[in-house]
Every structure is written in structure tokens, then in C-alpha cells.
């Protein structure tokens, strides 16, 4: 009885091991490839639980069916149609389209595709860029280059068992020595523009200052003219008042003129005058009239 139980357990264990090695799960992001003695027997693209013969009769290999990215491994200079050297960084999006063809040409390691596909992509870019100018690569024809490269790779990718999803140019730049030369030329042009703007600003500033000086002179002249006019009118008015006042009292007028003469004569303390005390100049000081007397015979 115990031997039968042991035999049953052993048979069950063998059955479990055989079942575990015969059943496998294909994920939705994978493709299952069944081998039989080194030959591809079946490619399973549907996700789920599947069965095969246990090893060594059959083995299964899984391939990633998601989109892969291939970046340019190195930046190599490429000559444009105008013989200028540029550096182009690119990327290619691809995925497995024919698992059998893929395994025959690349094995099961995706890195083998990167090593073999990179020179092909670089050659396609070289051929397309040599037909275009730098200005076209930087602006107008950039999309066209990517489209043409993608079309060229689509045919060549069939030999790899893959599908080209997209091709993109990440960067277009000059090589280092040309970049320095371009920057120096741009710097020189910017300095030239800056100097021109400074000259224009200086000329405009001189024009504004000259106009301001002219306006100042005009304003001063007009103010002086108006002041002289007002002053003349005031002097005329004062003279009229003086004439009216002096006409009413001639003796007071003569006395006032004498005082004005004294004030004008002795304006400075250092002034010295030598005159005759009996002259008309001092007659008012002695209380007499300042008018000259009749001539003596």
C-alpha cells in the first residue's frame, strides 16, 4: 500500500513538473517563439496561457513587441550641398514586425538590431543631407529629410524583420570650429549694429540738445524784449509823473535834482571831489536857492 502511495506521489510530481515546463504565459507586450531542436516551430502573438512540449523537445523565447528607440551613437560631421560641415543627432522608433525574420537575422537580443541598424540610418541621413543646404536643414526642408529617411529605411528594415515607426532629427549644429567662427561673426555683427544704434542715438541727442538751446535762446530773447518793453513803458510813465509833479513846484524839482546829483556824486565812500564851496553845488546846503543868480556886470 505504501509503495502504491509513493508511486502515485512520484507520478503526480512528474506530471506537475511536466505541466510546469509545458505551460507558459505570453504577456501582451511580448511575442512567444517556440523552438524545436533549434528550428522555429510557432510564433504566438496572442497573450494568454499556452502549451508546448517539455524541454528538450521544445523551448520558448520571448521577444519585446513594444516600440524601441535607437539614438544616434555618435555625432559625425556631414557635408551639405554647399560644402559646409554639420552635425546631426537623430533617433529612430522601431518595433518587431516579423519575429521569424527578426530571429533569423538578429537572434533574440535587441541590441544586435541597434548595432546593425545604426550604420544604415547614418548612411541614409548622409545621402539626404548632402542634397540640402544648411538653411534647408535648419528650417524649410527638415521635415522632408525625416520623411525621405523614413521611406528609405522602411524598405531596408524588412530584412531585419522590423517596422520603422518614426524618424526624428533632434539637433542640427555646426562642428566646433565652425560654430566658434559663426559665433564670432554674429558677435561682430551685433557690435556693428550696437555701434550704429549708439551713433544714431548720439546724433539724435545732439539734435535734441541743439533744439533745446535754440528754444532757450528764443525764450530768453523774448523775455528780454518784453522786459525792456515793460521797462520802457515804466520809464515813460515815471517821466510823465515826474514832469507833472515838477511842473507844479519848480523849486522842489530843482531841490530834488540836486539831491539826485549828490547821491550820484557821493555813491562810493572812497570818492573824493574838490569843488568851490561857493558854487551852485553847495548852495542848497547853505539854504539858498540852487538856481544860478543874475550875471554880475
Protein backbone atom coordinates (compact mmCIF):
# COMPACT_ATOMS: atom_id res chain seq x y z
CA UNK A 1 0.00 0.00 0.00
CA UNK A 2 2.77 2.41 0.91
CA UNK A 3 4.58 1.59 -2.36
CA UNK A 4 1.46 2.43 -4.33
CA UNK A 5 1.13 5.74 -2.49
CA UNK A 6 4.76 6.60 -3.12
CA UNK A 7 4.45 5.62 -6.75
CA UNK A 8 1.33 7.76 -7.10
CA UNK A 9 3.04 10.74 -5.48
CA UNK A 10 6.03 10.32 -7.74
CA UNK A 11 3.85 10.12 -10.83
CA UNK A 12 1.94 13.21 -9.70
CA UNK A 13 5.19 15.12 -9.11
CA UNK A 14 6.44 14.16 -12.57
CA UNK A 15 3.14 15.26 -14.04
CA UNK A 16 3.35 18.61 -12.25
CA UNK A 17 6.92 19.17 -13.43
CA UNK A 18 5.99 18.21 -16.97
CA UNK A 19 2.98 20.51 -16.88
CA UNK A 20 5.01 23.42 -15.49
CA UNK A 21 7.60 23.03 -18.23
CA UNK A 22 4.93 22.67 -20.89
CA UNK A 23 2.72 25.63 -19.98
CA UNK A 24 3.80 29.27 -20.43
CA UNK A 25 2.19 32.70 -20.42
CA UNK A 26 2.62 35.24 -23.21
CA UNK A 27 2.33 38.83 -21.98
CA UNK A 28 0.55 41.42 -24.11
CA UNK A 29 3.86 43.24 -24.58
CA UNK A 30 5.63 40.11 -25.83
CA UNK A 31 5.75 37.61 -28.66
CA UNK A 32 6.38 33.93 -27.86
CA UNK A 33 8.53 31.90 -30.26
CA UNK A 34 8.56 28.08 -29.86
CA UNK A 35 11.74 26.25 -30.89
CA UNK A 36 12.08 22.56 -31.65
CA UNK A 37 15.66 21.33 -31.95
CA UNK A 38 16.86 24.81 -32.97
CA UNK A 39 14.10 25.37 -35.54
CA UNK A 40 11.24 27.85 -35.17
CA UNK A 41 8.01 25.88 -34.93
CA UNK A 42 5.46 28.50 -33.96
CA UNK A 43 5.15 32.23 -33.28
CA UNK A 44 2.49 33.16 -30.70
CA UNK A 45 1.36 36.80 -30.71
CA UNK A 46 -1.87 36.35 -28.74
CA UNK A 47 -1.44 36.98 -24.99
CA UNK A 48 -2.57 34.29 -22.54
CA UNK A 49 -1.74 30.75 -21.39
CA UNK A 50 -0.24 28.42 -23.99
CA UNK A 51 1.23 24.92 -24.06
CA UNK A 52 4.24 23.26 -25.68
CA UNK A 53 6.23 20.07 -25.36
CA UNK A 54 8.56 19.93 -22.39
CA UNK A 55 12.29 20.53 -22.90
CA UNK A 56 14.37 19.38 -24.63
CA UNK A 57 11.73 18.74 -27.26
CA UNK A 58 10.56 22.34 -27.39
CA UNK A 59 11.70 25.65 -25.88
CA UNK A 60 10.09 29.10 -25.87
CA UNK A 61 11.74 32.52 -26.33
CA UNK A 62 10.03 35.82 -25.65
CA UNK A 63 10.56 38.97 -27.75
CA UNK A 64 9.54 42.50 -26.75
CA UNK A 65 6.92 43.73 -29.23
CA UNK A 66 6.83 47.31 -27.89
CA UNK A 67 8.27 50.29 -29.78
CA UNK A 68 12.04 50.58 -29.34
CA UNK A 69 14.23 53.68 -29.62
CA UNK A 70 17.53 53.86 -31.47
CA UNK A 71 19.58 57.03 -30.80
CA UNK A 72 22.48 58.16 -32.94
CA UNK A 73 25.53 56.52 -31.30
CA UNK A 74 27.90 59.38 -32.18
CA UNK A 75 27.80 62.77 -33.84
CA UNK A 76 29.60 62.59 -37.17
CA UNK A 77 30.05 65.66 -39.40
CA UNK A 78 28.09 65.61 -42.66
CA UNK A 79 28.71 67.92 -45.61
CA UNK A 80 25.74 69.81 -47.02
CA UNK A 81 25.17 70.77 -50.65
CA UNK A 82 27.14 73.97 -50.06
CA UNK A 83 30.11 72.01 -48.61
CA UNK A 84 29.50 73.09 -45.02
CA UNK A 85 30.03 70.56 -42.26
CA UNK A 86 27.13 69.99 -39.85
CA UNK A 87 26.45 67.56 -37.01
CA UNK A 88 23.06 65.84 -36.90
CA UNK A 89 21.65 63.96 -33.91
CA UNK A 90 18.75 61.66 -34.78
CA UNK A 91 16.55 58.96 -33.34
CA UNK A 92 14.57 56.10 -34.89
CA UNK A 93 11.49 54.41 -33.43
CA UNK A 94 11.03 50.75 -34.49
CA UNK A 95 9.32 47.54 -33.42
CA UNK A 96 9.34 43.87 -34.37
CA UNK A 97 7.09 43.13 -37.35
CA UNK A 98 8.20 39.61 -38.42
CA UNK A 99 9.50 37.58 -35.45
CA UNK A 100 10.80 34.74 -37.64
CA UNK A 101 12.76 37.12 -39.88
CA UNK A 102 13.94 39.03 -36.85
CA UNK A 103 15.35 35.95 -35.13
CA UNK A 104 16.99 34.63 -38.31
CA UNK A 105 18.86 37.91 -38.89
CA UNK A 106 19.41 39.27 -35.38
CA UNK A 107 18.91 36.46 -32.89
CA UNK A 108 16.90 37.20 -29.80
CA UNK A 109 19.00 40.11 -28.47
CA UNK A 110 17.55 43.51 -29.37
CA UNK A 111 20.97 45.13 -29.06
CA UNK A 112 22.05 43.32 -32.21
CA UNK A 113 19.49 45.39 -34.14
CA UNK A 114 20.93 48.64 -32.78
CA UNK A 115 24.44 47.66 -33.89
CA UNK A 116 23.32 46.71 -37.40
CA UNK A 117 20.69 49.41 -37.94
CA UNK A 118 22.78 52.43 -36.83
CA UNK A 119 25.11 52.44 -39.91
CA UNK A 120 22.11 52.08 -42.21
CA UNK A 121 20.35 55.07 -40.64
CA UNK A 122 23.53 57.15 -40.69
CA UNK A 123 24.08 56.37 -44.39
CA UNK A 124 20.50 57.40 -45.20
CA UNK A 125 20.94 60.72 -43.40
CA UNK A 126 24.27 61.32 -45.15
CA UNK A 127 22.70 60.87 -48.57
CA UNK A 128 19.71 63.11 -47.82
CA UNK A 129 21.67 65.92 -46.14
CA UNK A 130 24.21 66.20 -48.95
CA UNK A 131 21.30 67.23 -51.21
CA UNK A 132 20.30 70.16 -48.99
CA UNK A 133 21.71 73.44 -47.71
CA UNK A 134 22.25 74.44 -44.11
CA UNK A 135 19.24 76.78 -44.25
CA UNK A 136 17.07 73.95 -45.54
CA UNK A 137 18.23 71.61 -42.77
CA UNK A 138 17.54 74.20 -40.11
CA UNK A 139 14.10 75.25 -41.32
CA UNK A 140 12.26 74.58 -44.55
CA UNK A 141 13.41 71.06 -45.52
CA UNK A 142 13.89 69.45 -42.13
CA UNK A 143 10.56 67.59 -42.20
CA UNK A 144 11.22 66.49 -45.75
CA UNK A 145 14.57 64.98 -44.74
CA UNK A 146 12.96 62.95 -41.96
CA UNK A 147 10.23 61.70 -44.32
CA UNK A 148 12.73 60.68 -47.00
CA UNK A 149 14.95 58.87 -44.50
CA UNK A 150 11.94 57.03 -43.10
CA UNK A 151 10.88 55.93 -46.58
CA UNK A 152 14.37 54.64 -47.34
CA UNK A 153 14.58 52.74 -44.06
CA UNK A 154 11.14 51.20 -44.44
CA UNK A 155 12.39 49.04 -47.32
CA UNK A 156 15.69 48.12 -45.74
CA UNK A 157 14.08 47.36 -42.36
CA UNK A 158 12.18 44.41 -43.85
CA UNK A 159 15.41 42.44 -43.96
CA UNK A 160 15.71 42.93 -40.20
CA UNK A 161 12.15 41.79 -39.55
CA UNK A 162 11.24 45.17 -38.04
CA UNK A 163 8.96 48.11 -38.85
CA UNK A 164 10.14 51.75 -38.83
CA UNK A 165 7.61 53.75 -36.83
CA UNK A 166 9.19 57.19 -36.90
CA UNK A 167 12.40 59.07 -37.70
CA UNK A 168 13.31 62.35 -36.00
CA UNK A 169 16.13 64.88 -36.18
CA UNK A 170 16.91 66.04 -32.66
CA UNK A 171 19.63 68.59 -33.37
CA UNK A 172 21.42 70.19 -36.31
CA UNK A 173 24.56 72.14 -35.47
CA UNK A 174 27.87 73.16 -36.91
CA UNK A 175 31.05 71.42 -35.89
CA UNK A 176 33.03 73.04 -33.08
CA UNK A 177 35.46 75.14 -35.13
CA UNK A 178 32.73 76.39 -37.48
CA UNK A 179 30.47 77.14 -34.51
CA UNK A 180 33.14 79.36 -32.98
CA UNK A 181 33.56 81.17 -36.29
CA UNK A 182 29.80 81.67 -36.59
CA UNK A 183 29.59 82.99 -33.04
CA UNK A 184 32.44 85.43 -33.69
CA UNK A 185 30.76 86.65 -36.86
CA UNK A 186 27.45 87.04 -35.02
CA UNK A 187 29.21 88.92 -32.24
CA UNK A 188 30.86 91.24 -34.79
CA UNK A 189 27.52 91.88 -36.50
CA UNK A 190 25.83 92.60 -33.18
CA UNK A 191 28.62 95.03 -32.22
CA UNK A 192 28.26 96.75 -35.57
CA UNK A 193 24.53 97.14 -35.06
CA UNK A 194 25.10 98.36 -31.50
CA UNK A 195 27.64 100.96 -32.66
CA UNK A 196 25.26 102.12 -35.37
CA UNK A 197 22.46 102.49 -32.82
CA UNK A 198 24.80 104.39 -30.49
CA UNK A 199 25.75 106.76 -33.33
CA UNK A 200 22.12 107.33 -34.19
CA UNK A 201 21.35 107.92 -30.53
CA UNK A 202 24.22 110.41 -30.20
CA UNK A 203 23.10 112.28 -33.32
CA UNK A 204 19.52 112.36 -32.06
CA UNK A 205 20.75 113.57 -28.67
CA UNK A 206 22.77 116.38 -30.27
CA UNK A 207 19.73 117.36 -32.31
CA UNK A 208 17.55 117.47 -29.21
CA UNK A 209 20.14 119.48 -27.26
CA UNK A 210 20.57 121.94 -30.14
CA UNK A 211 16.81 122.40 -30.39
CA UNK A 212 16.59 122.90 -26.61
CA UNK A 213 19.39 125.52 -26.73
CA UNK A 214 17.65 127.30 -29.59
CA UNK A 215 14.36 127.33 -27.70
CA UNK A 216 16.17 128.62 -24.60
CA UNK A 217 17.75 131.48 -26.57
CA UNK A 218 14.41 132.33 -28.14
CA UNK A 219 12.67 132.31 -24.75
CA UNK A 220 15.40 134.48 -23.18
CA UNK A 221 15.32 136.92 -26.10
CA UNK A 222 11.54 137.19 -25.97
CA UNK A 223 11.65 137.64 -22.20
CA UNK A 224 14.32 140.34 -22.52
CA UNK A 225 12.28 142.05 -25.23
CA UNK A 226 9.17 142.00 -23.06
CA UNK A 227 11.15 143.20 -20.04
CA UNK A 228 12.66 146.09 -21.98
CA UNK A 229 9.24 146.98 -23.31
CA UNK A 230 7.76 146.96 -19.84
CA UNK A 231 10.74 148.88 -18.50
CA UNK A 232 10.39 151.49 -21.26
CA UNK A 233 6.74 151.85 -20.55
CA UNK A 234 7.54 152.23 -16.85
CA UNK A 235 10.24 154.84 -17.52
CA UNK A 236 7.87 156.75 -19.78
CA UNK A 237 5.21 156.64 -17.10
CA UNK A 238 7.69 157.74 -14.44
CA UNK A 239 8.94 160.60 -16.62
CA UNK A 240 5.36 161.71 -17.18
CA UNK A 241 4.73 161.63 -13.44
CA UNK A 242 7.99 163.48 -12.75
CA UNK A 243 7.15 166.10 -15.35
CA UNK A 244 3.67 166.63 -13.90
CA UNK A 245 4.99 166.84 -10.33
CA UNK A 246 7.95 169.08 -11.18
CA UNK A 247 5.75 171.39 -13.23
CA UNK A 248 3.63 172.16 -10.18
CA UNK A 249 6.65 173.14 -7.99
CA UNK A 250 9.81 174.09 -9.95
CA UNK A 251 11.77 174.91 -6.77
CA UNK A 252 11.12 171.43 -5.36
CA UNK A 253 12.10 169.93 -8.65
CA UNK A 254 15.40 171.79 -8.60
CA UNK A 255 15.99 170.64 -5.00
CA UNK A 256 15.19 167.03 -5.92
CA UNK A 257 17.57 167.09 -8.84
CA UNK A 258 20.29 168.45 -6.56
CA UNK A 259 19.76 165.56 -4.15
CA UNK A 260 19.96 163.08 -7.02
CA UNK A 261 23.16 164.72 -8.16
CA UNK A 262 24.61 164.48 -4.66
CA UNK A 263 23.64 160.82 -4.44
CA UNK A 264 25.22 160.04 -7.80
CA UNK A 265 28.38 162.01 -6.92
CA UNK A 266 28.99 160.51 -3.47
CA UNK A 267 27.89 156.93 -4.19
CA UNK A 268 31.19 155.41 -3.06
CA UNK A 269 32.82 156.23 0.25
CA UNK A 270 36.20 156.42 -1.39
CA UNK A 271 35.08 159.11 -3.86
CA UNK A 272 36.81 162.47 -3.35
CA UNK A 273 35.72 165.73 -5.01
CA UNK A 274 37.41 169.11 -4.76
CA UNK A 275 34.92 171.94 -5.51
CA UNK A 276 34.46 175.60 -4.61
CA UNK A 277 32.20 175.96 -1.54
CA UNK A 278 30.54 178.98 -3.13
CA UNK A 279 29.47 177.01 -6.19
CA UNK A 280 25.87 176.23 -7.01
CA UNK A 281 26.50 172.61 -5.99
CA UNK A 282 26.57 173.56 -2.27
CA UNK A 283 24.09 176.42 -2.41
CA UNK A 284 21.24 174.16 -1.32
CA UNK A 285 23.23 173.01 1.70
CA UNK A 286 23.54 176.62 2.84
CA UNK A 287 19.79 177.10 2.50
CA UNK A 288 19.94 179.16 -0.66
CA UNK A 289 18.38 178.52 -3.97
CA UNK A 290 20.21 176.25 -6.33
CA UNK A 291 19.22 178.37 -9.28
CA UNK A 292 22.06 180.46 -10.71
CA UNK A 293 21.90 184.22 -9.93
CA UNK A 294 21.99 187.03 -12.44
CA UNK A 295 25.31 187.62 -14.08
CA UNK A 296 27.44 190.34 -12.48
CA UNK A 297 28.39 193.27 -14.59
